[in-house]
Amino acid sequence: MSRVPSSKKPGATPVDLVGQTLEKAIDPLKAAWKSAALKRADRDTRQFETEPAPAAPAAAPGKPGLQVSPLAVPFPVIPPIAGVEIATGRAGFYKHEREDLVVFHFPEGASCAGVFTRHTVGSAPVDWCKRQLEATGGDGVRALVVNAGCANAFTGKPGADAARRTASAVAKRFDCRQRDVMLASTGVIGVVLDDGKIAARLPEVEGRLSADAWAAAGRAIMTTDTFPKGAYATAEIDGHVVRIAGIAKGSGMIAPDMATMLAFIATDANLSPAVLRTLLGVNVRTTFNSVTVDGDTSTNDTCLMFATGASGAPRISRAGDRRLADFREKLEAVMLDLAWQLVRDGEGATKFVKVTVTGAQSPHSARRIAKSICESPLVKTAFAGEDANWGRIVMAVGKTEEPIDRDHLSVKFGDLVAAHEGAVSPTYDEAKMSAYMKRPELEVSVDVGVGRGAATVWTCDLTKRYVEINGDYRS
């Protein structure tokens, strides 16, 4: 097997609330699923933690002058997923030569589910997908079109019309309904999508459809990313081997909820749309919604999952079906791997940091505290400076106003105790702590001493390169 590792708002649609609503609906099943899945994901991903990252080339693919992240991991070998065809092309949304268009084609009867940004200024593609999935229930999706270089967000009716025309052009090529075409865009906000550029390339792209183009697709959806992100796993359903593959993009503007990114996952398992919605709703929280680079949430966050049913495995219509046990574990491992890669490619990142909070009043409280630590500029710059400044971590804990016991608060960096029982640890060793902070991967553990709630969030450091990259973004 390859490398795997909000409250209800007025006017919200069922698709808007899929993550929370479904998670609550299956609470009796969720605890068992999550415990088994996380254990398996940890075991599967640990085998790759010791693999050295490839030497950084002079520049990131399709991004002249941008250095590959030192935390980059190689793109995995992803074999064909039965029923999935992919093609890439250049529509011309960038000044320099690079592919920026991806088309996925699915067979009749494919299922789809999606989870989207909760940003109140959602993009035209996000609005399109939510509306179509609500209308069809996710049955019969035939295509996905993704472009990089133009987000088509904050573009009003012209942007919505451009999205509709794109779906119409693709529907004609694949002889399906507009509503059977999903859309996703990423890039500069406030620019209306020139859909004519996509339409002009469709004949060429259609002719290049292949079952073996996952790596090319991963590269084509990149914006400020420095390496393509992919993950793959096999699972067993009732004696049949099924495959799960995914790609994602994201480097900056990464924060829940939905984590700022695009992610596309496909499987040849035969799963109903209801099952897909449930699996995404359960797993998003501990994967894509548990990573943060800079605390900013995008207008275009989209995670779409497709099931072609072409593996020969039996149809599964209940998320609680026991035959799905292995599949659930492997799916979460794929999603977690992709989420970790987003952090590893954080703009200017040099440290991959895991922050675990325990002893909180509730999991929700622990999550808020962990996010506060991970999103604090002072904490993140200390990581960049290889400084175990536990005082800044204490600051980030306290500012949340979540219940804590100051006199029982403890902070650890790896196995090294920095603070214990509300004071500097008597075993604190500056030399050992400094040596630990030079590692590219760090773990911070905080116990706040009031309960049993726990949560883990992953982040990266904040360096000068982050400012440089974002200062030049539209140049």
Protein backbone atom coordinates (compact mmCIF):
# COMPACT_ATOMS: atom_id res chain seq x y z
CA MET A 1 0.00 0.00 0.00
CA SER A 2 1.29 3.47 -0.81
CA ARG A 3 1.88 6.24 1.69
CA VAL A 4 -1.18 7.02 3.79
CA PRO A 5 -1.11 8.43 6.92
CA SER A 6 -20.57 25.60 13.54
CA SER A 7 -23.53 26.40 14.81
CA LYS A 8 -26.56 26.42 12.49
CA LYS A 9 -26.89 29.72 10.65
CA PRO A 10 -30.14 31.28 9.35
CA GLY A 11 -30.79 30.26 5.78
CA ALA A 12 -28.23 27.47 5.80
CA THR A 13 -28.93 24.60 3.42
CA PRO A 14 -28.63 20.90 4.27
CA VAL A 15 -25.44 20.75 2.22
CA ASP A 16 -23.96 23.66 4.22
CA LEU A 17 -24.47 21.75 7.42
CA VAL A 18 -23.56 18.27 6.20
CA GLY A 19 -20.49 17.95 8.39
CA GLN A 20 -22.14 18.90 11.68
CA THR A 21 -25.58 17.42 11.03
CA LEU A 22 -24.33 14.04 9.93
CA GLU A 23 -21.74 13.89 12.66
CA LYS A 24 -24.42 14.38 15.29
CA ALA A 25 -26.73 11.89 13.59
CA ILE A 26 -24.25 9.05 13.83
CA ASP A 27 -22.71 9.78 17.22
CA PRO A 28 -23.31 6.19 18.42
CA LEU A 29 -21.13 4.89 15.58
CA LYS A 30 -18.61 7.70 15.43
CA ALA A 31 -16.62 7.00 18.58
CA ALA A 32 -15.84 3.44 17.55
CA TRP A 33 -15.01 4.45 13.99
CA LYS A 34 -12.70 7.27 15.02
CA SER A 35 -10.76 5.29 17.59
CA ALA A 36 -10.02 2.47 15.17
CA ALA A 37 -9.36 4.79 12.24
CA LEU A 38 -6.95 7.06 14.06
CA LYS A 39 -4.96 4.14 15.42
CA ARG A 40 -4.69 2.68 11.94
CA ALA A 41 -3.86 6.06 10.39
CA ASP A 42 -1.08 6.66 12.92
CA ARG A 43 0.34 3.20 12.28
CA ASP A 44 0.15 3.56 8.50
CA THR A 45 1.72 7.01 8.44
CA ARG A 46 4.53 6.36 10.91
CA GLN A 47 6.22 4.06 8.45
CA PHE A 48 6.87 7.08 6.24
CA GLU A 49 7.98 9.54 8.90
CA THR A 50 11.57 8.37 8.64
CA GLU A 51 11.72 8.68 4.86
CA PRO A 52 13.90 11.63 3.85
CA ALA A 53 12.21 14.29 1.76
CA PRO A 54 13.59 14.58 -1.75
CA ALA A 55 16.23 17.19 -2.41
CA ALA A 56 14.55 20.48 -3.29
CA PRO A 57 14.84 21.37 -6.97
CA ALA A 58 15.65 24.89 -8.09
CA ALA A 59 12.00 25.83 -8.37
CA ALA A 60 8.56 24.45 -7.66
CA PRO A 61 6.67 22.91 -10.62
CA GLY A 62 5.01 25.66 -12.66
CA LYS A 63 6.20 28.35 -10.27
CA PRO A 64 9.48 29.91 -11.45
CA GLY A 65 11.69 31.10 -8.60
CA LEU A 66 9.64 29.48 -5.83
CA GLN A 67 11.67 27.00 -3.79
CA VAL A 68 10.15 23.64 -2.90
CA SER A 69 9.26 23.33 0.78
CA PRO A 70 11.99 21.60 2.83
CA LEU A 71 9.16 19.55 4.35
CA ALA A 72 7.97 18.26 0.96
CA VAL A 73 7.15 14.60 0.49
CA PRO A 74 7.18 12.73 -2.83
CA PHE A 75 4.00 12.23 -4.79
CA PRO A 76 2.93 8.59 -4.37
CA VAL A 77 2.44 6.11 -7.17
CA ILE A 78 -1.32 6.12 -7.76
CA PRO A 79 -2.59 3.36 -10.04
CA PRO A 80 -5.80 3.81 -12.04
CA ILE A 81 -9.05 3.95 -10.09
CA ALA A 82 -11.63 1.96 -12.04
CA GLY A 83 -14.10 4.30 -13.71
CA VAL A 84 -12.03 7.48 -13.28
CA GLU A 85 -10.49 9.28 -16.26
CA ILE A 86 -8.42 12.45 -15.88
CA ALA A 87 -6.91 14.98 -18.28
CA THR A 88 -5.01 18.24 -17.82
CA GLY A 89 -4.41 21.23 -20.07
CA ARG A 90 -3.40 24.86 -20.23
CA ALA A 91 -6.30 27.33 -20.34
CA GLY A 92 -4.00 30.32 -19.88
CA PHE A 93 -4.97 31.73 -16.47
CA TYR A 94 -1.26 32.28 -15.73
CA LYS A 95 1.22 34.47 -17.55
CA HIS A 96 3.88 31.80 -17.53
CA GLU A 97 3.75 28.40 -19.20
CA ARG A 98 1.98 25.85 -16.99
CA GLU A 99 -1.08 23.61 -16.95
CA ASP A 100 -3.99 25.11 -15.03
CA LEU A 101 -7.00 23.01 -16.02
CA VAL A 102 -8.10 19.55 -14.89
CA VAL A 103 -11.10 17.51 -16.04
CA PHE A 104 -12.29 14.33 -14.30
CA HIS A 105 -14.74 12.03 -16.09
CA PHE A 106 -16.87 9.47 -14.24
CA PRO A 107 -19.12 6.66 -15.50
CA GLU A 108 -22.89 6.62 -15.33
CA GLY A 109 -24.18 5.89 -11.86
CA ALA A 110 -21.27 7.47 -9.98
CA SER A 111 -22.02 8.97 -6.57
CA CYS A 112 -20.72 12.26 -5.17
CA ALA A 113 -20.67 14.16 -1.89
CA GLY A 114 -19.07 17.42 -0.90
CA VAL A 115 -18.08 19.56 2.05
CA PHE A 116 -17.50 23.25 1.49
CA THR A 117 -16.19 26.43 3.04
CA ARG A 118 -18.31 28.20 5.65
CA HIS A 119 -16.88 31.50 4.48
CA THR A 120 -19.75 33.95 4.06
CA VAL A 121 -18.35 35.14 0.72
CA GLY A 122 -18.44 31.77 -1.03
CA SER A 123 -17.24 31.49 -4.62
CA ALA A 124 -19.41 30.87 -7.68
CA PRO A 125 -18.13 27.27 -8.06
CA VAL A 126 -18.90 26.55 -4.40
CA ASP A 127 -22.42 27.92 -4.83
CA TRP A 128 -22.85 25.84 -7.99
CA CYS A 129 -21.76 22.56 -6.39
CA LYS A 130 -23.84 23.04 -3.27
CA ARG A 131 -26.93 23.81 -5.31
CA GLN A 132 -26.53 20.85 -7.68
CA LEU A 133 -25.71 18.34 -4.93
CA GLU A 134 -28.77 19.46 -3.01
CA ALA A 135 -30.93 19.06 -6.12
CA THR A 136 -29.62 15.63 -7.16
CA GLY A 137 -28.64 14.18 -3.81
CA GLY A 138 -25.25 13.34 -5.34
CA ASP A 139 -26.57 10.72 -7.77
CA GLY A 140 -25.24 10.51 -11.32
CA VAL A 141 -22.34 12.98 -11.25
CA ARG A 142 -20.37 12.63 -14.49
CA ALA A 143 -17.59 15.23 -14.43
CA LEU A 144 -15.46 17.59 -12.38
CA VAL A 145 -13.73 20.66 -13.83
CA VAL A 146 -11.01 22.43 -11.86
CA ASN A 147 -9.07 25.54 -12.80
CA ALA A 148 -6.20 27.30 -11.07
CA GLY A 149 -5.30 30.97 -11.44
CA CYS A 150 -8.79 32.47 -11.02
CA ALA A 151 -10.96 31.85 -7.96
CA ASN A 152 -14.14 33.30 -9.52
CA ALA A 153 -15.05 34.51 -6.02
CA PHE A 154 -16.73 37.81 -5.14
CA THR A 155 -17.76 38.12 -8.78
CA GLY A 156 -21.55 38.38 -8.46
CA LYS A 157 -23.88 37.37 -11.30
CA PRO A 158 -21.15 37.49 -13.98
CA GLY A 159 -19.17 34.92 -12.00
CA ALA A 160 -22.23 32.72 -11.52
CA ASP A 161 -23.00 32.92 -15.24
CA ALA A 162 -19.41 31.95 -16.08
CA ALA A 163 -19.69 28.91 -13.79
CA ARG A 164 -22.98 27.88 -15.42
CA ARG A 165 -21.52 28.23 -18.93
CA THR A 166 -18.51 26.13 -17.94
CA ALA A 167 -20.78 23.36 -16.67
CA SER A 168 -22.89 23.60 -19.83
CA ALA A 169 -19.86 23.30 -22.12
CA VAL A 170 -18.58 20.24 -20.25
CA ALA A 171 -22.05 18.66 -20.16
CA LYS A 172 -22.25 18.88 -23.94
CA ARG A 173 -18.88 17.15 -24.31
CA PHE A 174 -19.91 14.28 -22.03
CA ASP A 175 -23.58 14.09 -23.04
CA CYS A 176 -24.93 14.72 -19.54
CA ARG A 177 -26.91 17.35 -17.65
CA GLN A 178 -25.34 20.58 -16.37
CA ARG A 179 -26.20 19.51 -12.85
CA ASP A 180 -24.04 16.42 -13.29
CA VAL A 181 -20.91 18.59 -13.59
CA MET A 182 -19.04 19.72 -10.48
CA LEU A 183 -16.82 22.82 -10.53
CA ALA A 184 -13.89 24.09 -8.46
CA SER A 185 -11.65 27.11 -8.87
CA THR A 186 -8.64 28.51 -7.05
CA GLY A 187 -6.56 31.63 -7.49
CA VAL A 188 -7.07 35.38 -7.30
CA ILE A 189 -10.30 36.63 -5.70
CA GLY A 190 -12.40 39.30 -7.41
CA VAL A 191 -11.72 38.30 -11.03
CA VAL A 192 -14.54 36.86 -13.14
CA LEU A 193 -13.65 33.53 -14.70
CA ASP A 194 -13.04 33.72 -18.45
CA ASP A 195 -14.96 30.53 -19.18
CA GLY A 196 -14.18 30.84 -22.88
CA LYS A 197 -10.61 29.80 -22.11
CA ILE A 198 -11.87 26.56 -20.63
CA ALA A 199 -14.38 25.88 -23.40
CA ALA A 200 -11.69 26.39 -26.03
CA ARG A 201 -9.51 23.69 -24.50
CA LEU A 202 -12.19 21.08 -23.86
CA PRO A 203 -11.82 19.18 -27.18
CA GLU A 204 -8.07 18.85 -26.63
CA VAL A 205 -8.46 17.91 -22.96
CA GLU A 206 -11.18 15.36 -23.69
CA GLY A 207 -8.89 13.65 -26.16
CA ARG A 208 -6.23 13.29 -23.48
CA LEU A 209 -8.42 11.59 -20.87
CA SER A 210 -6.48 8.84 -19.17
CA ALA A 211 -6.82 6.55 -16.18
CA ASP A 212 -3.26 7.37 -15.16
CA ALA A 213 -2.99 11.15 -14.75
CA TRP A 214 -3.20 11.72 -11.00
CA ALA A 215 0.25 13.29 -10.73
CA ALA A 216 -0.41 15.70 -13.59
CA ALA A 217 -3.72 16.68 -11.99
CA GLY A 218 -1.98 17.31 -8.66
CA ARG A 219 0.43 19.70 -10.37
CA ALA A 220 -2.21 21.50 -12.43
CA ILE A 221 -4.32 22.59 -9.44
CA MET A 222 -1.36 24.16 -7.59
CA THR A 223 -1.24 27.92 -6.88
CA THR A 224 1.39 28.91 -4.29
CA ASP A 225 1.93 25.22 -3.54
CA THR A 226 5.52 24.10 -4.01
CA PHE A 227 4.81 20.40 -4.50
CA PRO A 228 1.82 18.34 -5.69
CA LYS A 229 -0.09 16.50 -2.99
CA GLY A 230 -1.49 13.01 -3.37
CA ALA A 231 -2.43 9.97 -1.30
CA TYR A 232 -3.51 6.43 -2.07
CA ALA A 233 -4.70 3.33 -0.23
CA THR A 234 -6.38 0.01 -0.87
CA ALA A 235 -9.14 -1.42 1.29
CA GLU A 236 -11.32 -4.50 1.38
CA ILE A 237 -15.10 -4.57 1.20
CA ASP A 238 -16.72 -7.97 1.56
CA GLY A 239 -13.71 -9.73 0.07
CA HIS A 240 -13.28 -7.28 -2.81
CA VAL A 241 -10.24 -4.99 -3.08
CA VAL A 242 -11.17 -1.35 -3.63
CA ARG A 243 -8.93 1.62 -4.22
CA ILE A 244 -8.99 5.14 -2.77
CA ALA A 245 -6.99 8.02 -4.22
CA GLY A 246 -6.93 11.76 -3.64
CA ILE A 247 -5.17 14.98 -4.53
CA ALA A 248 -5.26 18.32 -2.78
CA LYS A 249 -3.91 21.82 -3.12
CA GLY A 250 -3.29 24.43 -0.47
CA SER A 251 -0.35 26.31 0.99
CA GLY A 252 -1.57 29.59 2.43
CA MET A 253 -4.94 30.85 3.62
CA ILE A 254 -5.23 27.52 5.41
CA ALA A 255 -7.57 27.33 8.39
CA PRO A 256 -10.77 25.54 9.40
CA ASP A 257 -13.56 25.39 8.60
CA MET A 258 -13.07 23.79 5.85
CA ALA A 259 -9.31 24.24 5.91
CA THR A 260 -8.39 26.36 2.93
CA MET A 261 -7.91 24.02 0.11
CA LEU A 262 -9.27 21.99 -2.73
CA ALA A 263 -9.35 18.22 -2.28
CA PHE A 264 -10.69 15.58 -4.64
CA ILE A 265 -11.00 11.95 -3.59
CA ALA A 266 -12.18 9.06 -5.74
CA THR A 267 -12.82 5.40 -5.07
CA ASP A 268 -14.02 2.49 -7.17
CA ALA A 269 -16.12 1.25 -4.24
CA ASN A 270 -19.88 1.10 -4.77
CA LEU A 271 -21.16 3.58 -2.18
CA SER A 272 -24.41 5.50 -2.11
CA PRO A 273 -24.29 9.33 -1.89
CA ALA A 274 -25.66 9.10 1.66
CA VAL A 275 -22.72 6.92 2.70
CA LEU A 276 -20.25 9.32 1.07
CA ARG A 277 -21.81 12.29 2.87
CA THR A 278 -21.58 10.52 6.20
CA LEU A 279 -17.97 9.44 5.76
CA LEU A 280 -16.89 12.94 4.74
CA GLY A 281 -18.83 14.56 7.57
CA VAL A 282 -17.23 12.29 10.16
CA ASN A 283 -13.66 12.46 8.88
CA VAL A 284 -13.30 16.11 7.90
CA ARG A 285 -13.16 17.29 11.51
CA THR A 286 -10.03 15.35 12.45
CA THR A 287 -8.28 15.82 9.10
CA PHE A 288 -8.85 18.88 6.93
CA ASN A 289 -10.44 20.84 9.78
CA SER A 290 -7.55 20.06 12.12
CA VAL A 291 -4.79 21.80 10.20
CA THR A 292 -3.95 25.49 10.03
CA VAL A 293 -1.20 27.52 8.41
CA ASP A 294 -2.20 31.12 9.01
CA GLY A 295 -5.69 31.20 10.49
CA ASP A 296 -7.32 32.52 7.30
CA THR A 297 -10.21 30.69 5.68
CA SER A 298 -10.76 30.77 1.91
CA THR A 299 -13.80 31.59 -0.18
CA ASN A 300 -13.28 28.47 -2.31
CA ASP A 301 -12.68 25.55 0.07
CA THR A 302 -14.06 22.41 -1.52
CA CYS A 303 -13.71 18.72 -0.75
CA LEU A 304 -15.47 16.43 -3.19
CA MET A 305 -15.56 12.64 -3.04
CA PHE A 306 -16.67 10.37 -5.87
CA ALA A 307 -17.50 6.66 -5.92
CA THR A 308 -17.62 4.96 -9.33
CA GLY A 309 -18.84 1.53 -8.23
CA ALA A 310 -16.54 -0.06 -10.82
CA SER A 311 -14.59 -2.35 -8.48
CA GLY A 312 -17.12 -5.16 -8.43
CA ALA A 313 -17.66 -4.76 -4.69
CA PRO A 314 -21.28 -4.90 -3.46
CA ARG A 315 -23.36 -1.77 -3.11
CA ILE A 316 -23.18 -0.24 0.37
CA SER A 317 -26.11 1.96 1.37
CA ARG A 318 -25.56 2.30 5.14
CA ALA A 319 -22.55 4.04 6.66
CA GLY A 320 -22.76 1.70 9.63
CA ASP A 321 -22.43 -1.42 7.49
CA ARG A 322 -19.78 -3.67 9.07
CA ARG A 323 -18.34 -4.43 5.66
CA LEU A 324 -17.11 -0.81 5.54
CA ALA A 325 -14.81 -1.10 8.57
CA ASP A 326 -11.55 -1.36 6.63
CA PHE A 327 -12.65 1.22 4.06
CA ARG A 328 -13.45 3.77 6.78
CA GLU A 329 -9.98 3.41 8.26
CA LYS A 330 -8.22 3.72 4.92
CA LEU A 331 -10.31 6.71 3.84
CA GLU A 332 -9.41 8.64 6.96
CA ALA A 333 -5.75 7.74 6.46
CA VAL A 334 -5.86 9.19 2.95
CA MET A 335 -7.60 12.37 4.11
CA LEU A 336 -5.19 12.80 7.03
CA ASP A 337 -2.19 12.34 4.75
CA LEU A 338 -3.48 15.04 2.39
CA ALA A 339 -4.20 17.38 5.31
CA TRP A 340 -0.68 16.93 6.66
CA GLN A 341 0.78 17.71 3.25
CA LEU A 342 -1.07 21.05 3.24
CA VAL A 343 0.76 21.99 6.43
CA ARG A 344 4.09 20.69 5.13
CA ASP A 345 3.67 23.07 2.20
CA GLY A 346 2.65 26.03 4.35
CA GLU A 347 3.96 29.15 2.67
CA GLY A 348 7.55 29.54 3.82
CA ALA A 349 7.27 26.66 6.31
CA THR A 350 10.38 25.03 7.77
CA LYS A 351 8.73 23.22 10.73
CA PHE A 352 5.88 20.70 10.82
CA VAL A 353 4.27 20.98 14.26
CA LYS A 354 1.79 18.72 16.04
CA VAL A 355 -0.01 20.36 18.98
CA THR A 356 -2.00 18.15 21.35
CA VAL A 357 -4.12 19.55 24.18
CA THR A 358 -5.33 17.27 26.96
CA GLY A 359 -7.07 17.77 30.29
CA ALA A 360 -9.63 20.18 28.82
CA GLN A 361 -13.25 20.51 29.88
CA SER A 362 -14.42 19.04 26.54
CA PRO A 363 -13.05 18.06 23.12
CA HIS A 364 -14.44 21.34 21.78
CA SER A 365 -12.57 23.31 24.42
CA ALA A 366 -9.36 21.38 23.73
CA ARG A 367 -9.73 22.09 20.03
CA ARG A 368 -10.15 25.82 20.62
CA ILE A 369 -7.04 25.91 22.78
CA ALA A 370 -5.00 23.89 20.28
CA LYS A 371 -6.07 26.18 17.44
CA SER A 372 -5.16 29.24 19.49
CA ILE A 373 -1.64 27.88 19.96
CA CYS A 374 -1.30 26.90 16.31
CA GLU A 375 -2.55 30.23 14.97
CA SER A 376 -0.61 32.56 17.29
CA PRO A 377 1.95 34.57 15.26
CA LEU A 378 4.14 34.81 18.37
CA VAL A 379 4.13 31.05 18.88
CA LYS A 380 4.70 30.34 15.20
CA THR A 381 7.61 32.78 14.89
CA ALA A 382 9.17 31.18 17.98
CA PHE A 383 9.01 27.84 16.15
CA ALA A 384 10.69 29.50 13.16
CA GLY A 385 13.43 30.82 15.44
CA GLU A 386 13.84 27.38 17.04
CA ASP A 387 12.97 28.89 20.41
CA ALA A 388 11.07 26.76 22.94
CA ASN A 389 9.27 29.81 24.24
CA TRP A 390 6.70 28.07 26.41
CA GLY A 391 5.58 31.41 27.79
CA ARG A 392 4.04 32.25 24.45
CA ILE A 393 2.21 28.93 24.48
CA VAL A 394 0.81 29.71 27.91
CA MET A 395 -0.29 33.07 26.53
CA ALA A 396 -2.11 31.38 23.64
CA VAL A 397 -3.81 28.98 26.06
CA GLY A 398 -5.05 31.69 28.39
CA LYS A 399 -6.36 34.11 25.79
CA THR A 400 -9.02 31.62 24.68
CA GLU A 401 -10.87 32.11 28.00
CA GLU A 402 -11.55 28.38 28.01
CA PRO A 403 -11.61 26.70 31.46
CA ILE A 404 -8.07 25.81 32.62
CA ASP A 405 -6.32 25.27 35.95
CA ARG A 406 -3.32 27.59 35.93
CA ASP A 407 -1.65 25.78 38.81
CA HIS A 408 -1.85 22.42 37.04
CA LEU A 409 -0.95 23.54 33.53
CA SER A 410 1.92 21.64 31.91
CA VAL A 411 3.81 22.13 28.62
CA LYS A 412 6.07 19.63 26.87
CA PHE A 413 8.19 19.79 23.72
CA GLY A 414 8.53 16.21 22.60
CA ASP A 415 9.49 14.32 25.77
CA LEU A 416 11.06 17.41 27.35
CA VAL A 417 9.02 19.08 30.08
CA ALA A 418 9.14 22.88 29.91
CA ALA A 419 6.47 23.75 32.46
CA HIS A 420 4.84 21.62 35.15
CA GLU A 421 2.12 22.34 37.67
CA GLY A 422 1.92 25.97 36.63
CA ALA A 423 5.64 26.77 36.84
CA VAL A 424 8.97 26.16 35.11
CA SER A 425 9.84 22.47 35.26
CA PRO A 426 12.62 21.63 37.73
CA THR A 427 14.09 19.38 35.02
CA TYR A 428 14.14 22.12 32.36
CA ASP A 429 17.37 21.93 30.34
CA GLU A 430 17.95 24.77 27.89
CA ALA A 431 20.61 22.90 25.91
CA LYS A 432 18.41 19.84 25.36
CA MET A 433 15.43 22.03 24.51
CA SER A 434 17.43 24.02 21.95
CA ALA A 435 18.67 20.83 20.33
CA TYR A 436 15.12 19.49 20.07
CA MET A 437 13.82 22.70 18.47
CA LYS A 438 16.24 22.29 15.55
CA ARG A 439 14.26 19.28 14.31
CA PRO A 440 12.06 19.80 11.23
CA GLU A 441 9.15 18.02 12.96
CA LEU A 442 8.06 19.08 16.43
CA GLU A 443 5.46 17.96 18.95
CA VAL A 444 3.98 20.21 21.62
CA SER A 445 1.78 18.78 24.37
CA VAL A 446 -0.25 20.92 26.75
CA ASP A 447 -2.33 19.67 29.68
CA VAL A 448 -4.70 22.26 31.12
CA GLY A 449 -5.74 20.22 34.13
CA VAL A 450 -9.53 20.49 34.30
CA GLY A 451 -11.05 17.46 32.55
CA ARG A 452 -10.66 14.71 29.99
CA GLY A 453 -11.17 16.61 26.73
CA ALA A 454 -8.42 16.24 24.13
CA ALA A 455 -7.72 17.42 20.59
CA THR A 456 -4.84 17.57 18.12
CA VAL A 457 -4.18 20.25 15.52
CA TRP A 458 -1.27 20.42 13.08
CA THR A 459 0.46 23.61 11.97
CA CYS A 460 3.76 25.02 10.71
CA ASP A 461 6.04 27.89 11.63
CA LEU A 462 5.76 31.47 10.35
CA THR A 463 8.81 32.73 8.49
CA LYS A 464 9.88 35.76 6.45
CA ARG A 465 9.14 33.76 3.32
CA TYR A 466 5.41 33.80 4.16
CA VAL A 467 5.44 37.60 3.92
CA GLU A 468 7.48 37.52 0.70
CA ILE A 469 5.21 34.96 -0.99
CA ASN A 470 1.98 36.76 -0.10
CA GLY A 471 3.41 40.18 -0.84
CA ASP A 472 4.13 39.05 -4.40
CA TYR A 473 1.00 36.92 -4.90
CA ARG A 474 -0.62 38.99 -7.65
CA SER A 475 2.64 40.09 -9.27
